[in-house]
Amino acid sequence: MCNLLFHLLSTHPSFTATAPGPLSFAIPSLFGPESSSRGPYVSKETYQETLDQLQKSTKDIEKTNAIPLSMEHPVHILPRSTLNDGAKYPHSYQSDIQIVDRGLDIQEQEETTGLASLDKTNPTIFSDRFFFSITSPMITIRHPARMLPSYLRALSFSGVPMEGNLLHNYERVSRYRWERLIFESYKSRGTRVIVVDGERLVKDSEGQMKKVCEELGLDESQIRYTWDSADRLYSHIPESAKLAFMGTLHGSKGVIHRQGNDETLDLAAEERKWAKEWNEELARMMSYDSWIDPVPWNFCSNSIVFWTKLDSKRHLGTL
């Protein structure tokens, strides 16, 4: 659902996707030399190289007067100490993520002071200078009882071992406090956060995009609901990962309209389904009450972060 929103936004002529593409920090997080547990793929990409590339791309796009657009899962841009905070299944990371804000996105006429602030306040690995230069956060929400089993199926499909750090990895995507941390950080600066219901986006894509574009001050009629099936936006993502995590969007030629799941969930029934699909122990671990932090489900999300720049102001969204 987050990928659908990104894809739709990327069709608007005002936007240009940043390099190397969406979910760029997932590469060093999951497959790079700084990864805590590598999956079936290996990459030489580091966090610093990814940030540098993102910032350079942002600067180049802004020079064309287009809006740079990117997205990321919060779990890939949060300090590992934060991911372990209060965790039932903490992981012994060898080190925390170390990056330097080189200010490669700063245009020549912009102020270049304060790249490194000693009183950093935002919850991510980014400097306050970069983080708060983004002015329109967006969050897509989805019920965790729908997102979590999808995540587990995608892990299995993509070849990630179902042992080792599984409990830690599963817990960290289950704890929706990461979206709340980002939400509250922007809110503390008076920044309005746009929230998009993922089920409504699937059920009524055009209606939801009209509302999103209205918030962003864009003309929704320029959004395209069909596109080339080549998936060039995700060319940097391993093929099996695209198939696993992007689902029907991968290789599609447009929005696939289907009925959204807006009925009330019977969580006990869902747990019985999980036990049948996997086993009772894992089903218990997946149960809502045992994993999710005590926040309203409308703050639960299949999380992504977007960067854009409108009216000379960048915009971030988590989906």
C-alpha atoms as a PDB file:
ATOM      1  CA  MET A   1       0.000   0.000   0.000  1.00  0.00           C
ATOM      2  CA  CYS A   2       2.886   2.345   0.712  1.00  0.00           C
ATOM      3  CA  ASN A   3       4.402   1.375  -2.631  1.00  0.00           C
ATOM      4  CA  LEU A   4       1.089   2.146  -4.340  1.00  0.00           C
ATOM      5  CA  LEU A   5       1.023   5.672  -2.897  1.00  0.00           C
ATOM      6  CA  PHE A   6       4.630   6.253  -3.909  1.00  0.00           C
ATOM      7  CA  HIS A   7       3.976   4.950  -7.407  1.00  0.00           C
ATOM      8  CA  LEU A   8       0.932   7.199  -7.804  1.00  0.00           C
ATOM      9  CA  LEU A   9       2.787  10.283  -6.573  1.00  0.00           C
ATOM     10  CA  SER A  10       5.710   9.506  -8.881  1.00  0.00           C
ATOM     11  CA  THR A  11       3.401   9.730 -11.916  1.00  0.00           C
ATOM     12  CA  HIS A  12       2.671  13.393 -11.203  1.00  0.00           C
ATOM     13  CA  PRO A  13       4.831  15.604 -13.467  1.00  0.00           C
ATOM     14  CA  SER A  14       5.840  17.764 -10.499  1.00  0.00           C
ATOM     15  CA  PHE A  15       7.747  14.876  -8.897  1.00  0.00           C
ATOM     16  CA  THR A  16      11.049  13.195  -9.759  1.00  0.00           C
ATOM     17  CA  ALA A  17      12.134  10.101  -7.833  1.00  0.00           C
ATOM     18  CA  THR A  18      15.499  10.424  -6.127  1.00  0.00           C
ATOM     19  CA  ALA A  19      18.390   8.052  -6.821  1.00  0.00           C
ATOM     20  CA  PRO A  20      18.868   5.202  -6.385  1.00  0.00           C
ATOM     21  CA  GLY A  21      15.119   4.905  -5.782  1.00  0.00           C
ATOM     22  CA  PRO A  22      12.574   4.216  -3.028  1.00  0.00           C
ATOM     23  CA  LEU A  23      13.626   2.146  -0.014  1.00  0.00           C
ATOM     24  CA  SER A  24      17.278   2.998  -0.647  1.00  0.00           C
ATOM     25  CA  PHE A  25      18.276   2.657   3.031  1.00  0.00           C
ATOM     26  CA  ALA A  26      16.849  -0.861   3.109  1.00  0.00           C
ATOM     27  CA  ILE A  27      19.846  -1.931   1.014  1.00  0.00           C
ATOM     28  CA  PRO A  28      22.592  -1.118   3.582  1.00  0.00           C
ATOM     29  CA  SER A  29      20.245  -2.052   6.423  1.00  0.00           C
ATOM     30  CA  LEU A  30      19.467  -5.536   5.137  1.00  0.00           C
ATOM     31  CA  PHE A  31      22.222  -6.420   2.668  1.00  0.00           C
ATOM     32  CA  GLY A  32      25.192  -4.077   3.189  1.00  0.00           C
ATOM     33  CA  PRO A  33      28.415  -4.429   5.209  1.00  0.00           C
ATOM     34  CA  GLU A  34      26.748  -2.704   8.202  1.00  0.00           C
ATOM     35  CA  SER A  35      23.827  -5.129   8.232  1.00  0.00           C
ATOM     36  CA  SER A  36      23.409  -7.078  11.452  1.00  0.00           C
ATOM     37  CA  SER A  37      22.295 -10.232   9.680  1.00  0.00           C
ATOM     38  CA  ARG A  38      22.550 -10.549   5.952  1.00  0.00           C
ATOM     39  CA  GLY A  39      19.858 -12.258   3.950  1.00  0.00           C
ATOM     40  CA  PRO A  40      20.283 -14.074   0.652  1.00  0.00           C
ATOM     41  CA  TYR A  41      21.734 -10.966  -1.062  1.00  0.00           C
ATOM     42  CA  VAL A  42      24.980  -9.074  -0.489  1.00  0.00           C
ATOM     43  CA  SER A  43      25.612  -5.403  -1.231  1.00  0.00           C
ATOM     44  CA  LYS A  44      28.635  -3.147  -0.715  1.00  0.00           C
ATOM     45  CA  GLU A  45      26.391  -0.122  -0.185  1.00  0.00           C
ATOM     46  CA  THR A  46      26.911   1.706   3.142  1.00  0.00           C
ATOM     47  CA  TYR A  47      24.616   4.075   4.996  1.00  0.00           C
ATOM     48  CA  GLN A  48      26.943   6.988   4.269  1.00  0.00           C
ATOM     49  CA  GLU A  49      27.028   6.251   0.556  1.00  0.00           C
ATOM     50  CA  THR A  50      23.237   5.992   0.477  1.00  0.00           C
ATOM     51  CA  LEU A  51      22.789   9.314   2.283  1.00  0.00           C
ATOM     52  CA  ASP A  52      25.326  11.040   0.030  1.00  0.00           C
ATOM     53  CA  GLN A  53      23.593   9.709  -3.074  1.00  0.00           C
ATOM     54  CA  LEU A  54      20.176  10.770  -1.767  1.00  0.00           C
ATOM     55  CA  GLN A  55      21.370  14.282  -0.992  1.00  0.00           C
ATOM     56  CA  LYS A  56      23.169  14.718  -4.324  1.00  0.00           C
ATOM     57  CA  SER A  57      20.097  13.495  -6.166  1.00  0.00           C
ATOM     58  CA  THR A  58      17.869  15.841  -4.177  1.00  0.00           C
ATOM     59  CA  LYS A  59      20.050  18.803  -5.115  1.00  0.00           C
ATOM     60  CA  ASP A  60      20.138  17.869  -8.793  1.00  0.00           C
ATOM     61  CA  ILE A  61      16.360  17.437  -8.950  1.00  0.00           C
ATOM     62  CA  GLU A  62      15.716  20.739  -7.212  1.00  0.00           C
ATOM     63  CA  LYS A  63      17.866  22.500  -9.799  1.00  0.00           C
ATOM     64  CA  THR A  64      15.304  21.439 -12.415  1.00  0.00           C
ATOM     65  CA  ASN A  65      12.501  22.952 -10.274  1.00  0.00           C
ATOM     66  CA  ALA A  66      11.011  19.487  -9.852  1.00  0.00           C
ATOM     67  CA  ILE A  67      10.045  17.981  -6.490  1.00  0.00           C
ATOM     68  CA  PRO A  68      12.419  15.222  -5.269  1.00  0.00           C
ATOM     69  CA  LEU A  69      10.459  12.197  -4.099  1.00  0.00           C
ATOM     70  CA  SER A  70      11.750   9.268  -2.066  1.00  0.00           C
ATOM     71  CA  MET A  71      10.554   6.918   0.638  1.00  0.00           C
ATOM     72  CA  GLU A  72      11.865   4.697   3.404  1.00  0.00           C
ATOM     73  CA  HIS A  73      10.790   2.410   6.218  1.00  0.00           C
ATOM     74  CA  PRO A  74      11.484   4.095   9.584  1.00  0.00           C
ATOM     75  CA  VAL A  75      13.133   0.919  10.933  1.00  0.00           C
ATOM     76  CA  HIS A  76      15.936   1.443   8.396  1.00  0.00           C
ATOM     77  CA  ILE A  77      16.665   5.039   9.435  1.00  0.00           C
ATOM     78  CA  LEU A  78      16.424   4.780  13.230  1.00  0.00           C
ATOM     79  CA  PRO A  79      19.413   4.237  15.550  1.00  0.00           C
ATOM     80  CA  ARG A  80      19.809   0.618  16.551  1.00  0.00           C
ATOM     81  CA  SER A  81      19.801   1.661  20.196  1.00  0.00           C
ATOM     82  CA  THR A  82      16.292   3.012  19.608  1.00  0.00           C
ATOM     83  CA  LEU A  83      15.172  -0.253  18.004  1.00  0.00           C
ATOM     84  CA  ASN A  84      16.407  -2.132  21.086  1.00  0.00           C
ATOM     85  CA  ASP A  85      14.803   0.265  23.583  1.00  0.00           C
ATOM     86  CA  GLY A  86      12.168  -1.655  25.543  1.00  0.00           C
ATOM     87  CA  ALA A  87      12.363  -4.617  23.169  1.00  0.00           C
ATOM     88  CA  LYS A  88      11.363  -8.085  24.334  1.00  0.00           C
ATOM     89  CA  TYR A  89      13.868  -9.545  21.883  1.00  0.00           C
ATOM     90  CA  PRO A  90      16.794  -7.097  21.661  1.00  0.00           C
ATOM     91  CA  HIS A  91      19.626  -7.763  19.253  1.00  0.00           C
ATOM     92  CA  SER A  92      23.330  -7.435  20.050  1.00  0.00           C
ATOM     93  CA  TYR A  93      24.324  -5.041  17.298  1.00  0.00           C
ATOM     94  CA  GLN A  94      28.084  -4.677  16.854  1.00  0.00           C
ATOM     95  CA  SER A  95      27.762  -0.899  16.505  1.00  0.00           C
ATOM     96  CA  ASP A  96      25.250   1.843  15.913  1.00  0.00           C
ATOM     97  CA  ILE A  97      24.868   3.526  12.523  1.00  0.00           C
ATOM     98  CA  GLN A  98      27.392   6.314  11.972  1.00  0.00           C
ATOM     99  CA  ILE A  99      26.765   8.865   9.224  1.00  0.00           C
ATOM    100  CA  VAL A 100      27.846  12.456   8.604  1.00  0.00           C
ATOM    101  CA  ASP A 101      25.622  15.106   7.068  1.00  0.00           C
ATOM    102  CA  ARG A 102      27.860  16.496   4.320  1.00  0.00           C
ATOM    103  CA  GLY A 103      25.127  18.882   3.209  1.00  0.00           C
ATOM    104  CA  LEU A 104      25.288  17.628  -0.359  1.00  0.00           C
ATOM    105  CA  ASP A 105      21.655  18.628  -0.912  1.00  0.00           C
ATOM    106  CA  ILE A 106      22.267  22.293  -0.093  1.00  0.00           C
ATOM    107  CA  GLN A 107      21.942  24.671  -3.012  1.00  0.00           C
ATOM    108  CA  GLU A 108      24.696  27.246  -3.457  1.00  0.00           C
ATOM    109  CA  GLN A 109      22.533  30.118  -2.242  1.00  0.00           C
ATOM    110  CA  GLU A 110      21.346  28.334   0.893  1.00  0.00           C
ATOM    111  CA  GLU A 111      22.732  28.694   4.406  1.00  0.00           C
ATOM    112  CA  THR A 112      25.350  26.005   5.139  1.00  0.00           C
ATOM    113  CA  THR A 113      25.859  26.484   8.870  1.00  0.00           C
ATOM    114  CA  GLY A 114      24.643  24.073  11.508  1.00  0.00           C
ATOM    115  CA  LEU A 115      25.133  20.824   9.631  1.00  0.00           C
ATOM    116  CA  ALA A 116      26.057  19.038  12.841  1.00  0.00           C
ATOM    117  CA  SER A 117      24.006  20.004  15.891  1.00  0.00           C
ATOM    118  CA  LEU A 118      25.051  18.878  19.349  1.00  0.00           C
ATOM    119  CA  ASP A 119      21.448  19.095  20.593  1.00  0.00           C
ATOM    120  CA  LYS A 120      19.903  16.798  17.975  1.00  0.00           C
ATOM    121  CA  THR A 121      16.220  16.254  18.690  1.00  0.00           C
ATOM    122  CA  ASN A 122      14.778  14.133  15.852  1.00  0.00           C
ATOM    123  CA  PRO A 123      14.568  10.346  16.392  1.00  0.00           C
ATOM    124  CA  THR A 124      16.294   9.248  13.152  1.00  0.00           C
ATOM    125  CA  ILE A 125      19.927   8.846  12.102  1.00  0.00           C
ATOM    126  CA  PHE A 126      19.645  12.110  10.122  1.00  0.00           C
ATOM    127  CA  SER A 127      20.780  15.501  11.340  1.00  0.00           C
ATOM    128  CA  ASP A 128      18.102  17.954  12.453  1.00  0.00           C
ATOM    129  CA  ARG A 129      19.161  20.161   9.548  1.00  0.00           C
ATOM    130  CA  PHE A 130      18.202  17.509   6.991  1.00  0.00           C
ATOM    131  CA  PHE A 131      15.267  15.942   8.861  1.00  0.00           C
ATOM    132  CA  PHE A 132      13.442  19.192   9.551  1.00  0.00           C
ATOM    133  CA  SER A 133      14.035  20.557   6.060  1.00  0.00           C
ATOM    134  CA  ILE A 134      11.197  18.186   5.137  1.00  0.00           C
ATOM    135  CA  THR A 135       7.888  19.880   5.798  1.00  0.00           C
ATOM    136  CA  SER A 136       4.925  17.626   4.858  1.00  0.00           C
ATOM    137  CA  PRO A 137       5.208  14.191   6.513  1.00  0.00           C
ATOM    138  CA  MET A 138       2.792  11.511   5.263  1.00  0.00           C
ATOM    139  CA  ILE A 139       1.917   8.274   7.031  1.00  0.00           C
ATOM    140  CA  THR A 140      -0.060   5.398   5.567  1.00  0.00           C
ATOM    141  CA  ILE A 141      -1.917   3.374   8.158  1.00  0.00           C
ATOM    142  CA  ARG A 142      -2.907  -0.276   8.105  1.00  0.00           C
ATOM    143  CA  HIS A 143      -4.188  -2.615  10.786  1.00  0.00           C
ATOM    144  CA  PRO A 144      -1.254  -4.656  12.184  1.00  0.00           C
ATOM    145  CA  ALA A 145      -3.240  -7.891  11.992  1.00  0.00           C
ATOM    146  CA  ARG A 146      -3.238  -7.410   8.232  1.00  0.00           C
ATOM    147  CA  MET A 147       0.293  -6.122   7.818  1.00  0.00           C
ATOM    148  CA  LEU A 148       2.214  -8.544  10.053  1.00  0.00           C
ATOM    149  CA  PRO A 149       1.238 -11.862   8.404  1.00  0.00           C
ATOM    150  CA  SER A 150       1.896 -10.255   5.007  1.00  0.00           C
ATOM    151  CA  TYR A 151       5.367  -9.312   6.223  1.00  0.00           C
ATOM    152  CA  LEU A 152       6.072 -12.851   7.413  1.00  0.00           C
ATOM    153  CA  ARG A 153       4.926 -14.344   4.101  1.00  0.00           C
ATOM    154  CA  ALA A 154       7.138 -11.889   2.227  1.00  0.00           C
ATOM    155  CA  LEU A 155      10.155 -12.831   4.360  1.00  0.00           C
ATOM    156  CA  SER A 156       9.602 -16.490   3.624  1.00  0.00           C
ATOM    157  CA  PHE A 157       9.037 -15.878  -0.105  1.00  0.00           C
ATOM    158  CA  SER A 158      12.182 -13.760  -0.445  1.00  0.00           C
ATOM    159  CA  GLY A 159      14.372 -16.465   1.094  1.00  0.00           C
ATOM    160  CA  VAL A 160      15.155 -14.804   4.432  1.00  0.00           C
ATOM    161  CA  PRO A 161      15.869 -17.547   7.000  1.00  0.00           C
ATOM    162  CA  MET A 162      13.037 -18.093   9.489  1.00  0.00           C
ATOM    163  CA  GLU A 163      15.442 -18.404  12.385  1.00  0.00           C
ATOM    164  CA  GLY A 164      18.313 -16.406  13.880  1.00  0.00           C
ATOM    165  CA  ASN A 165      17.124 -12.822  14.306  1.00  0.00           C
ATOM    166  CA  LEU A 166      13.556 -13.564  13.269  1.00  0.00           C
ATOM    167  CA  LEU A 167      12.037 -12.651  16.644  1.00  0.00           C
ATOM    168  CA  HIS A 168      13.929  -9.355  16.824  1.00  0.00           C
ATOM    169  CA  ASN A 169      13.162  -8.449  13.210  1.00  0.00           C
ATOM    170  CA  TYR A 170       9.518  -9.350  13.589  1.00  0.00           C
ATOM    171  CA  GLU A 171       9.216  -7.412  16.823  1.00  0.00           C
ATOM    172  CA  ARG A 172      10.800  -4.276  15.389  1.00  0.00           C
ATOM    173  CA  VAL A 173       8.302  -4.085  12.523  1.00  0.00           C
ATOM    174  CA  SER A 174       5.508  -4.858  14.986  1.00  0.00           C
ATOM    175  CA  ARG A 175       6.291  -1.966  17.301  1.00  0.00           C
ATOM    176  CA  TYR A 176       4.515   0.955  15.707  1.00  0.00           C
ATOM    177  CA  ARG A 177       6.138   3.416  18.065  1.00  0.00           C
ATOM    178  CA  TRP A 178       8.608   4.326  15.277  1.00  0.00           C
ATOM    179  CA  GLU A 179       5.890   6.064  13.259  1.00  0.00           C
ATOM    180  CA  ARG A 180       4.687   7.743  16.441  1.00  0.00           C
ATOM    181  CA  LEU A 181       8.202   9.004  17.218  1.00  0.00           C
ATOM    182  CA  ILE A 182       8.452  10.605  13.777  1.00  0.00           C
ATOM    183  CA  PHE A 183       4.912  11.959  14.011  1.00  0.00           C
ATOM    184  CA  GLU A 184       5.527  13.563  17.391  1.00  0.00           C
ATOM    185  CA  SER A 185       8.899  14.969  16.313  1.00  0.00           C
ATOM    186  CA  TYR A 186       7.353  16.873  13.421  1.00  0.00           C
ATOM    187  CA  LYS A 187       4.326  17.832  15.480  1.00  0.00           C
ATOM    188  CA  SER A 188       6.642  19.430  18.058  1.00  0.00           C
ATOM    189  CA  ARG A 189       7.864  21.766  15.310  1.00  0.00           C
ATOM    190  CA  GLY A 190       4.326  22.641  14.252  1.00  0.00           C
ATOM    191  CA  THR A 191       4.537  20.523  11.089  1.00  0.00           C
ATOM    192  CA  ARG A 192       1.269  19.064   9.795  1.00  0.00           C
ATOM    193  CA  VAL A 193       1.417  15.310   9.129  1.00  0.00           C
ATOM    194  CA  ILE A 194      -0.685  13.836   6.309  1.00  0.00           C
ATOM    195  CA  VAL A 195      -2.169  10.410   7.156  1.00  0.00           C
ATOM    196  CA  VAL A 196      -3.409   8.082   4.406  1.00  0.00           C
ATOM    197  CA  ASP A 197      -5.526   4.995   5.159  1.00  0.00           C
ATOM    198  CA  GLY A 198      -4.019   2.173   3.109  1.00  0.00           C
ATOM    199  CA  GLU A 199      -7.278   0.229   2.827  1.00  0.00           C
ATOM    200  CA  ARG A 200      -9.108   3.310   1.554  1.00  0.00           C
ATOM    201  CA  LEU A 201      -6.298   3.995  -0.909  1.00  0.00           C
ATOM    202  CA  VAL A 202      -6.764   0.539  -2.444  1.00  0.00           C
ATOM    203  CA  LYS A 203     -10.553   0.760  -2.390  1.00  0.00           C
ATOM    204  CA  ASP A 204     -10.824   4.339  -3.719  1.00  0.00           C
ATOM    205  CA  SER A 205      -7.446   5.362  -5.151  1.00  0.00           C
ATOM    206  CA  GLU A 206      -8.672   8.424  -7.019  1.00  0.00           C
ATOM    207  CA  GLY A 207     -10.722   9.731  -4.099  1.00  0.00           C
ATOM    208  CA  GLN A 208      -7.810   9.386  -1.688  1.00  0.00           C
ATOM    209  CA  MET A 209      -5.321  10.935  -4.125  1.00  0.00           C
ATOM    210  CA  LYS A 210      -7.601  13.941  -4.573  1.00  0.00           C
ATOM    211  CA  LYS A 211      -7.383  14.529  -0.834  1.00  0.00           C
ATOM    212  CA  VAL A 212      -3.591  14.003  -0.775  1.00  0.00           C
ATOM    213  CA  CYS A 213      -3.051  16.373  -3.699  1.00  0.00           C
ATOM    214  CA  GLU A 214      -5.331  18.948  -2.109  1.00  0.00           C
ATOM    215  CA  GLU A 215      -3.169  18.866   1.022  1.00  0.00           C
ATOM    216  CA  LEU A 216      -0.012  19.196  -1.100  1.00  0.00           C
ATOM    217  CA  GLY A 217      -1.428  21.928  -3.309  1.00  0.00           C
ATOM    218  CA  LEU A 218      -1.164  19.795  -6.463  1.00  0.00           C
ATOM    219  CA  ASP A 219      -3.535  19.102  -9.339  1.00  0.00           C
ATOM    220  CA  GLU A 220      -4.820  15.529  -8.898  1.00  0.00           C
ATOM    221  CA  SER A 221      -5.866  15.342 -12.540  1.00  0.00           C
ATOM    222  CA  GLN A 222      -2.177  15.001 -13.414  1.00  0.00           C
ATOM    223  CA  ILE A 223      -1.839  11.767 -11.430  1.00  0.00           C
ATOM    224  CA  ARG A 224      -1.755   8.737 -13.745  1.00  0.00           C
ATOM    225  CA  TYR A 225      -3.479   5.559 -12.639  1.00  0.00           C
ATOM    226  CA  THR A 226      -1.800   3.461 -15.336  1.00  0.00           C
ATOM    227  CA  TRP A 227       1.912   3.186 -16.066  1.00  0.00           C
ATOM    228  CA  ASP A 228       4.692   1.243 -17.768  1.00  0.00           C
ATOM    229  CA  SER A 229       5.101  -2.178 -16.171  1.00  0.00           C
ATOM    230  CA  ALA A 230       8.915  -2.015 -16.240  1.00  0.00           C
ATOM    231  CA  ASP A 231       9.185  -0.996 -12.551  1.00  0.00           C
ATOM    232  CA  ARG A 232      12.248   1.156 -13.218  1.00  0.00           C
ATOM    233  CA  LEU A 233      11.676   2.920  -9.903  1.00  0.00           C
ATOM    234  CA  TYR A 234      12.784  -0.248  -8.088  1.00  0.00           C
ATOM    235  CA  SER A 235      15.649  -1.340 -10.316  1.00  0.00           C
ATOM    236  CA  HIS A 236      18.044  -1.212  -7.332  1.00  0.00           C
ATOM    237  CA  ILE A 237      15.983  -3.750  -5.356  1.00  0.00           C
ATOM    238  CA  PRO A 238      16.732  -7.498  -5.792  1.00  0.00           C
ATOM    239  CA  GLU A 239      14.127  -9.152  -8.005  1.00  0.00           C
ATOM    240  CA  SER A 240      12.972 -11.693  -5.420  1.00  0.00           C
ATOM    241  CA  ALA A 241      12.551  -8.945  -2.831  1.00  0.00           C
ATOM    242  CA  LYS A 242      10.404  -6.946  -5.253  1.00  0.00           C
ATOM    243  CA  LEU A 243       8.219  -9.977  -5.899  1.00  0.00           C
ATOM    244  CA  ALA A 244       7.921 -10.685  -2.176  1.00  0.00           C
ATOM    245  CA  PHE A 245       7.314  -7.219  -0.747  1.00  0.00           C
ATOM    246  CA  MET A 246       5.607  -5.365  -3.592  1.00  0.00           C
ATOM    247  CA  GLY A 247       3.066  -8.039  -4.378  1.00  0.00           C
ATOM    248  CA  THR A 248       0.691  -7.344  -7.236  1.00  0.00           C
ATOM    249  CA  LEU A 249       2.124  -3.866  -7.805  1.00  0.00           C
ATOM    250  CA  HIS A 250       5.334  -5.394  -9.162  1.00  0.00           C
ATOM    251  CA  GLY A 251       4.991  -5.690 -12.915  1.00  0.00           C
ATOM    252  CA  SER A 252       1.499  -4.168 -12.920  1.00  0.00           C
ATOM    253  CA  LYS A 253       0.354  -1.578 -15.431  1.00  0.00           C
ATOM    254  CA  GLY A 254      -1.908   0.395 -13.158  1.00  0.00           C
ATOM    255  CA  VAL A 255      -4.089   0.472 -10.068  1.00  0.00           C
ATOM    256  CA  ILE A 256      -5.787  -2.862  -9.434  1.00  0.00           C
ATOM    257  CA  HIS A 257      -9.152  -1.973  -7.961  1.00  0.00           C
ATOM    258  CA  ARG A 258     -10.385  -4.335  -5.297  1.00  0.00           C
ATOM    259  CA  GLN A 259     -12.608  -4.179  -2.255  1.00  0.00           C
ATOM    260  CA  GLY A 260     -10.755  -2.805   0.756  1.00  0.00           C
ATOM    261  CA  ASN A 261     -10.809  -4.717   4.015  1.00  0.00           C
ATOM    262  CA  ASP A 262     -12.760  -2.317   6.183  1.00  0.00           C
ATOM    263  CA  GLU A 263     -14.699  -4.814   8.288  1.00  0.00           C
ATOM    264  CA  THR A 264     -13.966  -5.260  11.991  1.00  0.00           C
ATOM    265  CA  LEU A 265     -11.291  -7.878  12.554  1.00  0.00           C
ATOM    266  CA  ASP A 266     -11.868 -10.898  14.753  1.00  0.00           C
ATOM    267  CA  LEU A 267      -8.354 -11.172  16.173  1.00  0.00           C
ATOM    268  CA  ALA A 268      -8.987 -14.575  17.762  1.00  0.00           C
ATOM    269  CA  ALA A 269     -10.071 -15.912  14.372  1.00  0.00           C
ATOM    270  CA  GLU A 270      -7.025 -14.368  12.735  1.00  0.00           C
ATOM    271  CA  GLU A 271      -4.757 -16.067  15.273  1.00  0.00           C
ATOM    272  CA  ARG A 272      -6.342 -19.436  14.462  1.00  0.00           C
ATOM    273  CA  LYS A 273      -5.617 -18.798  10.755  1.00  0.00           C
ATOM    274  CA  TRP A 274      -1.983 -17.993  11.566  1.00  0.00           C
ATOM    275  CA  ALA A 275      -1.655 -21.161  13.653  1.00  0.00           C
ATOM    276  CA  LYS A 276      -2.960 -23.204  10.729  1.00  0.00           C
ATOM    277  CA  GLU A 277      -0.642 -21.468   8.242  1.00  0.00           C
ATOM    278  CA  TRP A 278       2.464 -21.629  10.436  1.00  0.00           C
ATOM    279  CA  ASN A 279       2.206 -22.978  13.995  1.00  0.00           C
ATOM    280  CA  GLU A 280       0.534 -22.111  17.294  1.00  0.00           C
ATOM    281  CA  GLU A 281       3.683 -20.706  18.914  1.00  0.00           C
ATOM    282  CA  LEU A 282       4.307 -18.232  16.102  1.00  0.00           C
ATOM    283  CA  ALA A 283       0.603 -17.371  16.002  1.00  0.00           C
ATOM    284  CA  ARG A 284       0.730 -16.424  19.678  1.00  0.00           C
ATOM    285  CA  MET A 285       3.790 -14.273  19.021  1.00  0.00           C
ATOM    286  CA  MET A 286       1.952 -12.567  16.202  1.00  0.00           C
ATOM    287  CA  SER A 287      -1.098 -11.780  18.307  1.00  0.00           C
ATOM    288  CA  TYR A 288      -1.869  -8.093  18.628  1.00  0.00           C
ATOM    289  CA  ASP A 289      -1.797  -7.882  22.415  1.00  0.00           C
ATOM    290  CA  SER A 290       1.575  -9.592  22.808  1.00  0.00           C
ATOM    291  CA  TRP A 291       3.530  -7.485  20.310  1.00  0.00           C
ATOM    292  CA  ILE A 292       2.106  -4.062  19.622  1.00  0.00           C
ATOM    293  CA  ASP A 293       2.946  -1.063  21.762  1.00  0.00           C
ATOM    294  CA  PRO A 294      -0.108   0.443  23.482  1.00  0.00           C
ATOM    295  CA  VAL A 295      -0.994   3.061  20.851  1.00  0.00           C
ATOM    296  CA  PRO A 296      -4.214   3.396  18.837  1.00  0.00           C
ATOM    297  CA  TRP A 297      -4.159   1.176  15.729  1.00  0.00           C
ATOM    298  CA  ASN A 298      -4.719   4.228  13.562  1.00  0.00           C
ATOM    299  CA  PHE A 299      -1.069   4.989  14.264  1.00  0.00           C
ATOM    300  CA  CYS A 300      -0.032   1.576  13.004  1.00  0.00           C
ATOM    301  CA  SER A 301       1.492   1.638   9.578  1.00  0.00           C
ATOM    302  CA  ASN A 302       3.267  -0.252   6.882  1.00  0.00           C
ATOM    303  CA  SER A 303       5.823   2.436   7.270  1.00  0.00           C
ATOM    304  CA  ILE A 304       7.618   4.444   4.683  1.00  0.00           C
ATOM    305  CA  VAL A 305       9.158   7.857   4.575  1.00  0.00           C
ATOM    306  CA  PHE A 306       8.901  10.278   1.650  1.00  0.00           C
ATOM    307  CA  TRP A 307      10.990  13.297   0.787  1.00  0.00           C
ATOM    308  CA  THR A 308       9.672  16.028  -1.462  1.00  0.00           C
ATOM    309  CA  LYS A 309      10.097  19.743  -1.958  1.00  0.00           C
ATOM    310  CA  LEU A 310       7.145  22.029  -2.655  1.00  0.00           C
ATOM    311  CA  ASP A 311       7.388  25.821  -2.806  1.00  0.00           C
ATOM    312  CA  SER A 312      11.073  25.582  -1.893  1.00  0.00           C
ATOM    313  CA  LYS A 313      10.233  23.426   1.131  1.00  0.00           C
ATOM    314  CA  ARG A 314      10.945  19.718   1.315  1.00  0.00           C
ATOM    315  CA  HIS A 315       8.328  17.255   2.408  1.00  0.00           C
ATOM    316  CA  LEU A 316       8.630  13.922   4.174  1.00  0.00           C
ATOM    317  CA  GLY A 317       5.990  11.241   4.435  1.00  0.00           C
ATOM    318  CA  THR A 318       5.940   7.945   6.270  1.00  0.00           C
ATOM    319  CA  LEU A 319       3.772   5.261   4.862  1.00  0.00           C
END
